[in-house]
Amino acid sequence: MTTRGSGTVRKALGVLDVFLEGQDSLTLTELSGRTKIHKSTLLRLCQSLQQAGFLTRGRLMGFQLGPKVWQLAQIYQRQFHMEDVVRPRLRELRDRTGESASFYVREGEVRICLYRESSKHAIRHHVEQGARLPLTSGVVGRVLLAFSGARGDEFSKIRQRGYLIDRGREPFTASIAVPVLSGDGVMAGALVVSGPESRFDSKQHRAALELMLEVARDLGQQFPK
């Protein structure tokens, strides 16, 4: 059951969501066009948000995000625990693909396997959590390089595709890697699913890639900017 109050809250949150599109200041007319809320109703919402500190009036009477948004963002960043967010999604990738799933970050010229959930199969791709490996080897290393701005045709193609599928660093293995980009487009890390080629074949690749891209998008939205 939808109450009048909950509908008003959704509309107010919808006004704030418009700023996720990247504009610093929006007039009442612009906000009305994007939210489809009548100007008289919208003005009342904006005035309430302004009084609460979520909006301010800037140049040319445009609305801008207010200090309360920044304060909440600071609290979110302090309480954000990456492992609590990433590990459940790695378990999901492992359970739904049947293969080992890892989350890597770049540190200088190495990649670190920050979190890992190993396949439950007896025969599986194996890397220790916490392992430090060269960026220049492996599928996930090339994805980390590509989305760190590395130059060259190979890295440009990876950025255009948004993922990389290739043979793994170890013989007879295959891997898929996708970047995890925060809300402002900065690379936070990369997901990789790996397994033996005899089991993790092209049919499994397609299903795994679709799931990985979905998980990467979800994670990116949760990472602090």
Foldseek 3Di string as FASTA:
>chain_A
DDDPVNVLVVLLVVLVVVCLVPDFWAALVRSCVVSVDDSVSSVVSLVVCVVVFQWDQDPPRTIGGGPVVVVVLVVLQVPDDLCVLPVVLQVVLCVVLQAKKFWWDDDPQWIARQDIDGGPDPAYDDDDHGDIGGLVFFQQSLQNCLLVPDDDPVSVVCVVVQKDWDATRDPQKIKIKGFQAASVRHTPTMMMTMTGCVRCDPVSVVVSVVSRVVSSPVSNDSDRD
